[in-house]
């Protein structure tokens, strides 16, 4: 498959579901540094005994921002996509929890 064909396929999805794949990708990739900073914020607050509510909310928003765009902008998106999103977010939450736990094993999360 050539690059032009991939572009055409992505844009056909955009037309079918009203979701621009480039905007989705930009949100997804753009949120990575903020997600990483939020995880560091959680770890730092846990070490200092400070509340972690805001950093956890920030982490969750960063983790789900591209999917929120899909749910708001998307039209006629199949149910299996939403099931996949829930699965990806569940795995992301688990993975993030394990990363935080590994960084500071003596902290009860």
PDB file of N, CA and C in Angstrom:
ATOM      1  N   UNK A   1       0.842  -1.172   0.000  1.00  0.00           N
ATOM      2  CA  UNK A   1       0.000   0.000   0.000  1.00  0.00           C
ATOM      3  C   UNK A   1       0.894   1.244   0.000  1.00  0.00           C
ATOM      4  N   UNK A   2       0.613   2.155  -0.909  1.00  0.00           N
ATOM      5  CA  UNK A   2       1.402   3.370  -1.013  1.00  0.00           C
ATOM      6  C   UNK A   2       0.877   4.452  -0.071  1.00  0.00           C
ATOM      7  N   UNK A   3       1.712   5.436   0.187  1.00  0.00           N
ATOM      8  CA  UNK A   3       1.363   6.519   1.090  1.00  0.00           C
ATOM      9  C   UNK A   3       0.091   7.240   0.635  1.00  0.00           C
ATOM     10  N   UNK A   4      -0.034   7.465  -0.658  1.00  0.00           N
ATOM     11  CA  UNK A   4      -1.221   8.136  -1.191  1.00  0.00           C
ATOM     12  C   UNK A   4      -2.483   7.303  -0.907  1.00  0.00           C
ATOM     13  N   UNK A   5      -2.384   5.994  -1.036  1.00  0.00           N
ATOM     14  CA  UNK A   5      -3.538   5.117  -0.772  1.00  0.00           C
ATOM     15  C   UNK A   5      -3.909   5.131   0.705  1.00  0.00           C
ATOM     16  N   UNK A   6      -2.906   5.167   1.575  1.00  0.00           N
ATOM     17  CA  UNK A   6      -3.166   5.234   3.019  1.00  0.00           C
ATOM     18  C   UNK A   6      -3.874   6.549   3.354  1.00  0.00           C
ATOM     19  N   UNK A   7      -3.376   7.649   2.765  1.00  0.00           N
ATOM     20  CA  UNK A   7      -4.006   8.949   2.982  1.00  0.00           C
ATOM     21  C   UNK A   7      -5.468   8.923   2.521  1.00  0.00           C
ATOM     22  N   UNK A   8      -5.725   8.386   1.349  1.00  0.00           N
ATOM     23  CA  UNK A   8      -7.093   8.311   0.828  1.00  0.00           C
ATOM     24  C   UNK A   8      -7.987   7.467   1.735  1.00  0.00           C
ATOM     25  N   UNK A   9      -7.454   6.347   2.244  1.00  0.00           N
ATOM     26  CA  UNK A   9      -8.228   5.482   3.136  1.00  0.00           C
ATOM     27  C   UNK A   9      -8.569   6.217   4.435  1.00  0.00           C
ATOM     28  N   UNK A  10      -7.564   6.917   5.018  1.00  0.00           N
ATOM     29  CA  UNK A  10      -7.806   7.669   6.244  1.00  0.00           C
ATOM     30  C   UNK A  10      -8.853   8.764   6.021  1.00  0.00           C
ATOM     31  N   UNK A  11      -8.760   9.445   4.898  1.00  0.00           N
ATOM     32  CA  UNK A  11      -9.706  10.516   4.637  1.00  0.00           C
ATOM     33  C   UNK A  11     -11.106   9.964   4.356  1.00  0.00           C
ATOM     34  N   UNK A  12     -11.212   8.752   3.820  1.00  0.00           N
ATOM     35  CA  UNK A  12     -12.531   8.145   3.636  1.00  0.00           C
ATOM     36  C   UNK A  12     -13.158   7.832   4.989  1.00  0.00           C
ATOM     37  N   UNK A  13     -12.339   7.412   5.955  1.00  0.00           N
ATOM     38  CA  UNK A  13     -12.850   7.205   7.311  1.00  0.00           C
ATOM     39  C   UNK A  13     -13.337   8.520   7.887  1.00  0.00           C
ATOM     40  N   UNK A  14     -12.592   9.579   7.605  1.00  0.00           N
ATOM     41  CA  UNK A  14     -12.969  10.905   8.076  1.00  0.00           C
ATOM     42  C   UNK A  14     -14.347  11.286   7.549  1.00  0.00           C
ATOM     43  N   UNK A  15     -14.580  11.029   6.287  1.00  0.00           N
ATOM     44  CA  UNK A  15     -15.872  11.358   5.675  1.00  0.00           C
ATOM     45  C   UNK A  15     -16.990  10.489   6.258  1.00  0.00           C
ATOM     46  N   UNK A  16     -16.692   9.219   6.511  1.00  0.00           N
ATOM     47  CA  UNK A  16     -17.712   8.298   7.028  1.00  0.00           C
ATOM     48  C   UNK A  16     -18.120   8.622   8.455  1.00  0.00           C
ATOM     49  N   UNK A  17     -17.152   9.018   9.281  1.00  0.00           N
ATOM     50  CA  UNK A  17     -17.413   9.171  10.716  1.00  0.00           C
ATOM     51  C   UNK A  17     -17.229  10.587  11.237  1.00  0.00           C
ATOM     52  N   UNK A  18     -16.922  11.536  10.363  1.00  0.00           N
ATOM     53  CA  UNK A  18     -16.745  12.939  10.736  1.00  0.00           C
ATOM     54  C   UNK A  18     -15.622  13.138  11.759  1.00  0.00           C
ATOM     55  N   UNK A  19     -14.584  12.316  11.695  1.00  0.00           N
ATOM     56  CA  UNK A  19     -13.431  12.442  12.579  1.00  0.00           C
ATOM     57  C   UNK A  19     -12.193  12.593  11.697  1.00  0.00           C
ATOM     58  N   UNK A  20     -11.493  13.703  11.862  1.00  0.00           N
ATOM     59  CA  UNK A  20     -10.283  13.926  11.084  1.00  0.00           C
ATOM     60  C   UNK A  20      -9.135  13.142  11.729  1.00  0.00           C
ATOM     61  N   UNK A  21      -8.562  12.158  11.006  1.00  0.00           N
ATOM     62  CA  UNK A  21      -7.506  11.344  11.596  1.00  0.00           C
ATOM     63  C   UNK A  21      -6.256  12.134  11.969  1.00  0.00           C
ATOM     64  N   UNK A  22      -6.010  13.232  11.281  1.00  0.00           N
ATOM     65  CA  UNK A  22      -4.839  14.037  11.589  1.00  0.00           C
ATOM     66  C   UNK A  22      -5.038  14.831  12.892  1.00  0.00           C
ATOM     67  N   UNK A  23      -6.252  15.300  13.106  1.00  0.00           N
ATOM     68  CA  UNK A  23      -6.545  15.978  14.376  1.00  0.00           C
ATOM     69  C   UNK A  23      -6.466  14.966  15.512  1.00  0.00           C
ATOM     70  N   UNK A  24      -7.046  13.775  15.307  1.00  0.00           N
ATOM     71  CA  UNK A  24      -6.980  12.720  16.320  1.00  0.00           C
ATOM     72  C   UNK A  24      -5.523  12.412  16.666  1.00  0.00           C
ATOM     73  N   UNK A  25      -4.689  12.221  15.646  1.00  0.00           N
ATOM     74  CA  UNK A  25      -3.278  11.894  15.864  1.00  0.00           C
ATOM     75  C   UNK A  25      -2.540  13.040  16.558  1.00  0.00           C
ATOM     76  N   UNK A  26      -2.854  14.279  16.181  1.00  0.00           N
ATOM     77  CA  UNK A  26      -2.197  15.429  16.808  1.00  0.00           C
ATOM     78  C   UNK A  26      -2.557  15.521  18.292  1.00  0.00           C
ATOM     79  N   UNK A  27      -3.818  15.290  18.627  1.00  0.00           N
ATOM     80  CA  UNK A  27      -4.225  15.306  20.032  1.00  0.00           C
ATOM     81  C   UNK A  27      -3.549  14.166  20.773  1.00  0.00           C
ATOM     82  N   UNK A  28      -3.544  12.983  20.166  1.00  0.00           N
ATOM     83  CA  UNK A  28      -2.967  11.794  20.800  1.00  0.00           C
ATOM     84  C   UNK A  28      -1.480  12.003  21.102  1.00  0.00           C
ATOM     85  N   UNK A  29      -0.724  12.433  20.098  1.00  0.00           N
ATOM     86  CA  UNK A  29       0.722  12.630  20.263  1.00  0.00           C
ATOM     87  C   UNK A  29       1.005  13.875  21.107  1.00  0.00           C
ATOM     88  N   UNK A  30       0.205  14.918  20.912  1.00  0.00           N
ATOM     89  CA  UNK A  30       0.411  16.152  21.670  1.00  0.00           C
ATOM     90  C   UNK A  30       0.179  15.993  23.163  1.00  0.00           C
ATOM     91  N   UNK A  31      -0.633  15.028  23.543  1.00  0.00           N
ATOM     92  CA  UNK A  31      -0.929  14.822  24.961  1.00  0.00           C
ATOM     93  C   UNK A  31       0.173  14.045  25.683  1.00  0.00           C
ATOM     94  N   UNK A  32       1.063  13.402  24.961  1.00  0.00           N
ATOM     95  CA  UNK A  32       2.091  12.554  25.580  1.00  0.00           C
ATOM     96  C   UNK A  32       2.968  13.316  26.576  1.00  0.00           C
ATOM     97  N   UNK A  33       3.520  14.482  26.234  1.00  0.00           N
ATOM     98  CA  UNK A  33       4.347  15.172  27.231  1.00  0.00           C
ATOM     99  C   UNK A  33       3.556  15.601  28.466  1.00  0.00           C
ATOM    100  N   UNK A  34       2.304  15.988  28.267  1.00  0.00           N
ATOM    101  CA  UNK A  34       1.468  16.382  29.402  1.00  0.00           C
ATOM    102  C   UNK A  34       1.118  15.173  30.266  1.00  0.00           C
ATOM    103  N   UNK A  35       0.884  14.039  29.631  1.00  0.00           N
ATOM    104  CA  UNK A  35       0.627  12.802  30.361  1.00  0.00           C
ATOM    105  C   UNK A  35       1.850  12.436  31.219  1.00  0.00           C
ATOM    106  N   UNK A  36       3.025  12.487  30.617  1.00  0.00           N
ATOM    107  CA  UNK A  36       4.260  12.160  31.327  1.00  0.00           C
ATOM    108  C   UNK A  36       4.477  13.114  32.508  1.00  0.00           C
ATOM    109  N   UNK A  37       4.244  14.386  32.278  1.00  0.00           N
ATOM    110  CA  UNK A  37       4.382  15.371  33.359  1.00  0.00           C
ATOM    111  C   UNK A  37       3.371  15.109  34.467  1.00  0.00           C
ATOM    112  N   UNK A  38       2.171  14.696  34.110  1.00  0.00           N
ATOM    113  CA  UNK A  38       1.141  14.413  35.114  1.00  0.00           C
ATOM    114  C   UNK A  38       1.506  13.204  35.959  1.00  0.00           C
ATOM    115  N   UNK A  39       2.073  12.176  35.327  1.00  0.00           N
ATOM    116  CA  UNK A  39       2.516  10.999  36.082  1.00  0.00           C
ATOM    117  C   UNK A  39       3.627  11.400  37.051  1.00  0.00           C
ATOM    118  N   UNK A  40       4.566  12.212  36.586  1.00  0.00           N
ATOM    119  CA  UNK A  40       5.638  12.693  37.464  1.00  0.00           C
ATOM    120  C   UNK A  40       5.058  13.513  38.618  1.00  0.00           C
ATOM    121  N   UNK A  41       4.013  14.281  38.335  1.00  0.00           N
ATOM    122  CA  UNK A  41       3.340  15.085  39.349  1.00  0.00           C
ATOM    123  C   UNK A  41       2.707  14.177  40.418  1.00  0.00           C
ATOM    124  N   UNK A  42       2.081  13.086  39.976  1.00  0.00           N
ATOM    125  CA  UNK A  42       1.499  12.124  40.927  1.00  0.00           C
ATOM    126  C   UNK A  42       2.595  11.569  41.834  1.00  0.00           C
ATOM    127  N   UNK A  43       3.679  11.125  41.225  1.00  0.00           N
ATOM    128  CA  UNK A  43       4.776  10.514  41.991  1.00  0.00           C
ATOM    129  C   UNK A  43       5.364  11.515  42.981  1.00  0.00           C
ATOM    130  N   UNK A  44       5.588  12.739  42.510  1.00  0.00           N
ATOM    131  CA  UNK A  44       6.151  13.770  43.384  1.00  0.00           C
ATOM    132  C   UNK A  44       5.210  14.066  44.556  1.00  0.00           C
ATOM    133  N   UNK A  45       3.922  14.198  44.287  1.00  0.00           N
ATOM    134  CA  UNK A  45       2.966  14.472  45.359  1.00  0.00           C
ATOM    135  C   UNK A  45       2.868  13.309  46.338  1.00  0.00           C
ATOM    136  N   UNK A  46       2.924  12.076  45.828  1.00  0.00           N
ATOM    137  CA  UNK A  46       2.872  10.912  46.725  1.00  0.00           C
ATOM    138  C   UNK A  46       4.092  10.886  47.640  1.00  0.00           C
ATOM    139  N   UNK A  47       5.259  11.191  47.091  1.00  0.00           N
ATOM    140  CA  UNK A  47       6.487  11.204  47.896  1.00  0.00           C
ATOM    141  C   UNK A  47       6.416  12.261  48.998  1.00  0.00           C
ATOM    142  N   UNK A  48       5.795  13.407  48.688  1.00  0.00           N
ATOM    143  CA  UNK A  48       5.710  14.500  49.646  1.00  0.00           C
ATOM    144  C   UNK A  48       4.478  14.411  50.543  1.00  0.00           C
ATOM    145  N   UNK A  49       3.645  13.391  50.311  1.00  0.00           N
ATOM    146  CA  UNK A  49       2.440  13.232  51.124  1.00  0.00           C
ATOM    147  C   UNK A  49       1.343  14.229  50.797  1.00  0.00           C
ATOM    148  N   UNK A  50       1.397  14.822  49.620  1.00  0.00           N
ATOM    149  CA  UNK A  50       0.390  15.793  49.198  1.00  0.00           C
ATOM    150  C   UNK A  50      -0.766  15.070  48.490  1.00  0.00           C
ATOM    151  N   UNK A  51      -1.919  15.729  48.367  1.00  0.00           N
ATOM    152  CA  UNK A  51      -3.049  15.119  47.650  1.00  0.00           C
ATOM    153  C   UNK A  51      -2.700  14.866  46.181  1.00  0.00           C
ATOM    154  N   UNK A  52      -3.250  13.791  45.645  1.00  0.00           N
ATOM    155  CA  UNK A  52      -2.966  13.449  44.242  1.00  0.00           C
ATOM    156  C   UNK A  52      -4.191  13.612  43.351  1.00  0.00           C
ATOM    157  N   UNK A  53      -5.239  14.215  43.847  1.00  0.00           N
ATOM    158  CA  UNK A  53      -6.477  14.344  43.078  1.00  0.00           C
ATOM    159  C   UNK A  53      -6.262  15.083  41.760  1.00  0.00           C
ATOM    160  N   UNK A  54      -5.685  16.261  41.802  1.00  0.00           N
ATOM    161  CA  UNK A  54      -5.476  17.032  40.570  1.00  0.00           C
ATOM    162  C   UNK A  54      -4.544  16.332  39.589  1.00  0.00           C
ATOM    163  N   UNK A  55      -3.407  15.779  40.036  1.00  0.00           N
ATOM    164  CA  UNK A  55      -2.565  15.089  39.065  1.00  0.00           C
ATOM    165  C   UNK A  55      -3.229  13.847  38.458  1.00  0.00           C
ATOM    166  N   UNK A  56      -4.049  13.157  39.237  1.00  0.00           N
ATOM    167  CA  UNK A  56      -4.753  11.990  38.693  1.00  0.00           C
ATOM    168  C   UNK A  56      -5.776  12.436  37.648  1.00  0.00           C
ATOM    169  N   UNK A  57      -6.506  13.509  37.924  1.00  0.00           N
ATOM    170  CA  UNK A  57      -7.452  14.036  36.941  1.00  0.00           C
ATOM    171  C   UNK A  57      -6.737  14.501  35.675  1.00  0.00           C
ATOM    172  N   UNK A  58      -5.605  15.164  35.854  1.00  0.00           N
ATOM    173  CA  UNK A  58      -4.817  15.612  34.708  1.00  0.00           C
ATOM    174  C   UNK A  58      -4.323  14.428  33.873  1.00  0.00           C
ATOM    175  N   UNK A  59      -3.846  13.399  34.561  1.00  0.00           N
ATOM    176  CA  UNK A  59      -3.375  12.199  33.865  1.00  0.00           C
ATOM    177  C   UNK A  59      -4.507  11.558  33.082  1.00  0.00           C
ATOM    178  N   UNK A  60      -5.663  11.438  33.703  1.00  0.00           N
ATOM    179  CA  UNK A  60      -6.819  10.843  33.028  1.00  0.00           C
ATOM    180  C   UNK A  60      -7.257  11.638  31.814  1.00  0.00           C
ATOM    181  N   UNK A  61      -7.265  12.958  31.935  1.00  0.00           N
ATOM    182  CA  UNK A  61      -7.646  13.805  30.805  1.00  0.00           C
ATOM    183  C   UNK A  61      -6.651  13.657  29.659  1.00  0.00           C
ATOM    184  N   UNK A  62      -5.373  13.647  29.987  1.00  0.00           N
ATOM    185  CA  UNK A  62      -4.350  13.481  28.945  1.00  0.00           C
ATOM    186  C   UNK A  62      -4.472  12.114  28.269  1.00  0.00           C
ATOM    187  N   UNK A  63      -4.754  11.086  29.074  1.00  0.00           N
ATOM    188  CA  UNK A  63      -4.847   9.731  28.548  1.00  0.00           C
ATOM    189  C   UNK A  63      -6.051   9.579  27.615  1.00  0.00           C
ATOM    190  N   UNK A  64      -7.109  10.297  27.883  1.00  0.00           N
ATOM    191  CA  UNK A  64      -8.341  10.091  27.133  1.00  0.00           C
ATOM    192  C   UNK A  64      -8.684  11.211  26.158  1.00  0.00           C
ATOM    193  N   UNK A  65      -7.856  12.231  26.046  1.00  0.00           N
ATOM    194  CA  UNK A  65      -8.205  13.415  25.246  1.00  0.00           C
ATOM    195  C   UNK A  65      -8.518  13.104  23.784  1.00  0.00           C
ATOM    196  N   UNK A  66      -7.743  12.264  23.137  1.00  0.00           N
ATOM    197  CA  UNK A  66      -8.010  11.938  21.733  1.00  0.00           C
ATOM    198  C   UNK A  66      -9.322  11.165  21.600  1.00  0.00           C
ATOM    199  N   UNK A  67      -9.599  10.315  22.569  1.00  0.00           N
ATOM    200  CA  UNK A  67     -10.836   9.528  22.526  1.00  0.00           C
ATOM    201  C   UNK A  67     -12.047  10.403  22.814  1.00  0.00           C
ATOM    202  N   UNK A  68     -11.855  11.410  23.647  1.00  0.00           N
ATOM    203  CA  UNK A  68     -12.940  12.362  23.898  1.00  0.00           C
ATOM    204  C   UNK A  68     -13.269  13.094  22.600  1.00  0.00           C
ATOM    205  N   UNK A  69     -12.228  13.483  21.857  1.00  0.00           N
ATOM    206  CA  UNK A  69     -12.449  14.119  20.551  1.00  0.00           C
ATOM    207  C   UNK A  69     -13.255  13.190  19.643  1.00  0.00           C
ATOM    208  N   UNK A  70     -12.885  11.921  19.604  1.00  0.00           N
ATOM    209  CA  UNK A  70     -13.588  10.960  18.756  1.00  0.00           C
ATOM    210  C   UNK A  70     -15.051  10.844  19.172  1.00  0.00           C
ATOM    211  N   UNK A  71     -15.316  10.810  20.467  1.00  0.00           N
ATOM    212  CA  UNK A  71     -16.694  10.661  20.939  1.00  0.00           C
ATOM    213  C   UNK A  71     -17.529  11.921  20.686  1.00  0.00           C
ATOM    214  N   UNK A  72     -16.894  13.090  20.751  1.00  0.00           N
ATOM    215  CA  UNK A  72     -17.628  14.335  20.514  1.00  0.00           C
ATOM    216  C   UNK A  72     -17.844  14.566  19.015  1.00  0.00           C
ATOM    217  N   UNK A  73     -16.798  14.420  18.227  1.00  0.00           N
ATOM    218  CA  UNK A  73     -16.880  14.734  16.800  1.00  0.00           C
ATOM    219  C   UNK A  73     -17.444  13.593  15.970  1.00  0.00           C
ATOM    220  N   UNK A  74     -17.268  12.361  16.431  1.00  0.00           N
ATOM    221  CA  UNK A  74     -17.665  11.199  15.645  1.00  0.00           C
ATOM    222  C   UNK A  74     -19.160  11.073  15.467  1.00  0.00           C
ATOM    223  N   UNK A  75     -19.544  10.651  14.270  1.00  0.00           N
ATOM    224  CA  UNK A  75     -20.945  10.405  13.948  1.00  0.00           C
ATOM    225  C   UNK A  75     -21.053   9.012  13.339  1.00  0.00           C
ATOM    226  N   UNK A  76     -21.919   8.200  13.896  1.00  0.00           N
ATOM    227  CA  UNK A  76     -22.126   6.863  13.350  1.00  0.00           C
ATOM    228  C   UNK A  76     -20.957   5.920  13.587  1.00  0.00           C
ATOM    229  N   UNK A  77     -20.183   6.193  14.619  1.00  0.00           N
ATOM    230  CA  UNK A  77     -19.037   5.336  14.938  1.00  0.00           C
ATOM    231  C   UNK A  77     -19.575   4.011  15.473  1.00  0.00           C
ATOM    232  N   UNK A  78     -19.072   2.882  14.957  1.00  0.00           N
ATOM    233  CA  UNK A  78     -19.574   1.582  15.407  1.00  0.00           C
ATOM    234  C   UNK A  78     -19.333   1.339  16.895  1.00  0.00           C
ATOM    235  N   UNK A  79     -20.207   0.561  17.494  1.00  0.00           N
ATOM    236  CA  UNK A  79     -20.117   0.242  18.922  1.00  0.00           C
ATOM    237  C   UNK A  79     -18.777  -0.405  19.257  1.00  0.00           C
ATOM    238  N   UNK A  80     -18.241  -1.259  18.370  1.00  0.00           N
ATOM    239  CA  UNK A  80     -16.995  -1.947  18.675  1.00  0.00           C
ATOM    240  C   UNK A  80     -15.852  -0.963  18.896  1.00  0.00           C
ATOM    241  N   UNK A  81     -15.940   0.215  18.300  1.00  0.00           N
ATOM    242  CA  UNK A  81     -14.904   1.230  18.509  1.00  0.00           C
ATOM    243  C   UNK A  81     -14.952   1.722  19.955  1.00  0.00           C
ATOM    244  N   UNK A  82     -16.155   1.934  20.462  1.00  0.00           N
ATOM    245  CA  UNK A  82     -16.292   2.369  21.858  1.00  0.00           C
ATOM    246  C   UNK A  82     -15.823   1.279  22.817  1.00  0.00           C
ATOM    247  N   UNK A  83     -16.116   0.035  22.490  1.00  0.00           N
ATOM    248  CA  UNK A  83     -15.636  -1.084  23.315  1.00  0.00           C
ATOM    249  C   UNK A  83     -14.104  -1.108  23.300  1.00  0.00           C
ATOM    250  N   UNK A  84     -13.515  -0.902  22.134  1.00  0.00           N
ATOM    251  CA  UNK A  84     -12.063  -0.852  22.019  1.00  0.00           C
ATOM    252  C   UNK A  84     -11.493   0.310  22.834  1.00  0.00           C
ATOM    253  N   UNK A  85     -12.131   1.458  22.788  1.00  0.00           N
ATOM    254  CA  UNK A  85     -11.676   2.619  23.563  1.00  0.00           C
ATOM    255  C   UNK A  85     -11.687   2.299  25.056  1.00  0.00           C
ATOM    256  N   UNK A  86     -12.765   1.696  25.533  1.00  0.00           N
ATOM    257  CA  UNK A  86     -12.850   1.338  26.948  1.00  0.00           C
ATOM    258  C   UNK A  86     -11.729   0.366  27.303  1.00  0.00           C
ATOM    259  N   UNK A  87     -11.462  -0.610  26.422  1.00  0.00           N
ATOM    260  CA  UNK A  87     -10.369  -1.553  26.660  1.00  0.00           C
ATOM    261  C   UNK A  87      -9.013  -0.868  26.691  1.00  0.00           C
ATOM    262  N   UNK A  88      -8.777   0.031  25.759  1.00  0.00           N
ATOM    263  CA  UNK A  88      -7.508   0.763  25.722  1.00  0.00           C
ATOM    264  C   UNK A  88      -7.333   1.651  26.943  1.00  0.00           C
ATOM    265  N   UNK A  89      -8.401   2.321  27.348  1.00  0.00           N
ATOM    266  CA  UNK A  89      -8.310   3.160  28.538  1.00  0.00           C
ATOM    267  C   UNK A  89      -8.096   2.308  29.786  1.00  0.00           C
ATOM    268  N   UNK A  90      -8.761   1.162  29.856  1.00  0.00           N
ATOM    269  CA  UNK A  90      -8.564   0.259  30.994  1.00  0.00           C
ATOM    270  C   UNK A  90      -7.127  -0.217  31.081  1.00  0.00           C
ATOM    271  N   UNK A  91      -6.580  -0.610  29.942  1.00  0.00           N
ATOM    272  CA  UNK A  91      -5.178  -1.038  29.921  1.00  0.00           C
ATOM    273  C   UNK A  91      -4.254   0.126  30.275  1.00  0.00           C
ATOM    274  N   UNK A  92      -4.560   1.311  29.761  1.00  0.00           N
ATOM    275  CA  UNK A  92      -3.737   2.491  30.063  1.00  0.00           C
ATOM    276  C   UNK A  92      -3.745   2.824  31.543  1.00  0.00           C
ATOM    277  N   UNK A  93      -4.914   2.708  32.172  1.00  0.00           N
ATOM    278  CA  UNK A  93      -5.006   2.964  33.608  1.00  0.00           C
ATOM    279  C   UNK A  93      -4.182   1.945  34.379  1.00  0.00           C
ATOM    280  N   UNK A  94      -4.325   0.683  34.022  1.00  0.00           N
ATOM    281  CA  UNK A  94      -3.559  -0.378  34.685  1.00  0.00           C
ATOM    282  C   UNK A  94      -2.057  -0.160  34.500  1.00  0.00           C
ATOM    283  N   UNK A  95      -1.643   0.120  33.273  1.00  0.00           N
ATOM    284  CA  UNK A  95      -0.230   0.323  32.961  1.00  0.00           C
ATOM    285  C   UNK A  95       0.340   1.522  33.724  1.00  0.00           C
ATOM    286  N   UNK A  96      -0.419   2.598  33.770  1.00  0.00           N
ATOM    287  CA  UNK A  96       0.027   3.791  34.489  1.00  0.00           C
ATOM    288  C   UNK A  96       0.129   3.509  35.980  1.00  0.00           C
ATOM    289  N   UNK A  97      -0.856   2.825  36.525  1.00  0.00           N
ATOM    290  CA  UNK A  97      -0.831   2.455  37.941  1.00  0.00           C
ATOM    291  C   UNK A  97       0.416   1.644  38.258  1.00  0.00           C
ATOM    292  N   UNK A  98       0.737   0.672  37.409  1.00  0.00           N
ATOM    293  CA  UNK A  98       1.918  -0.165  37.636  1.00  0.00           C
ATOM    294  C   UNK A  98       3.207   0.648  37.514  1.00  0.00           C
ATOM    295  N   UNK A  99       3.238   1.608  36.597  1.00  0.00           N
ATOM    296  CA  UNK A  99       4.418   2.464  36.431  1.00  0.00           C
ATOM    297  C   UNK A  99       4.638   3.312  37.678  1.00  0.00           C
ATOM    298  N   UNK A 100       3.558   3.880  38.187  1.00  0.00           N
ATOM    299  CA  UNK A 100       3.664   4.707  39.394  1.00  0.00           C
ATOM    300  C   UNK A 100       4.074   3.845  40.577  1.00  0.00           C
ATOM    301  N   UNK A 101       3.488   2.681  40.692  1.00  0.00           N
ATOM    302  CA  UNK A 101       3.808   1.773  41.792  1.00  0.00           C
ATOM    303  C   UNK A 101       5.276   1.350  41.738  1.00  0.00           C
ATOM    304  N   UNK A 102       5.785   1.111  40.543  1.00  0.00           N
ATOM    305  CA  UNK A 102       7.178   0.699  40.370  1.00  0.00           C
ATOM    306  C   UNK A 102       8.131   1.841  40.728  1.00  0.00           C
ATOM    307  N   UNK A 103       7.778   3.066  40.424  1.00  0.00           N
ATOM    308  CA  UNK A 103       8.639   4.220  40.716  1.00  0.00           C
ATOM    309  C   UNK A 103       8.837   4.411  42.206  1.00  0.00           C
ATOM    310  N   UNK A 104       7.838   4.141  42.964  1.00  0.00           N
ATOM    311  CA  UNK A 104       7.921   4.341  44.401  1.00  0.00           C
ATOM    312  C   UNK A 104       7.175   3.197  45.088  1.00  0.00           C
ATOM    313  N   UNK A 105       7.839   2.054  45.208  1.00  0.00           N
ATOM    314  CA  UNK A 105       7.195   0.846  45.728  1.00  0.00           C
ATOM    315  C   UNK A 105       6.799   0.940  47.189  1.00  0.00           C
ATOM    316  N   UNK A 106       7.421   1.822  47.947  1.00  0.00           N
ATOM    317  CA  UNK A 106       7.073   1.910  49.358  1.00  0.00           C
ATOM    318  C   UNK A 106       5.894   2.849  49.625  1.00  0.00           C
ATOM    319  N   UNK A 107       5.295   3.390  48.561  1.00  0.00           N
ATOM    320  CA  UNK A 107       4.128   4.253  48.716  1.00  0.00           C
ATOM    321  C   UNK A 107       2.873   3.404  48.502  1.00  0.00           C
ATOM    322  N   UNK A 108       1.945   3.507  49.389  1.00  0.00           N
ATOM    323  CA  UNK A 108       0.663   2.814  49.220  1.00  0.00           C
ATOM    324  C   UNK A 108      -0.214   3.659  48.297  1.00  0.00           C
ATOM    325  N   UNK A 109      -0.592   3.079  47.177  1.00  0.00           N
ATOM    326  CA  UNK A 109      -1.445   3.805  46.213  1.00  0.00           C
ATOM    327  C   UNK A 109      -2.860   3.296  46.347  1.00  0.00           C
TER     328      UNK A 109
END
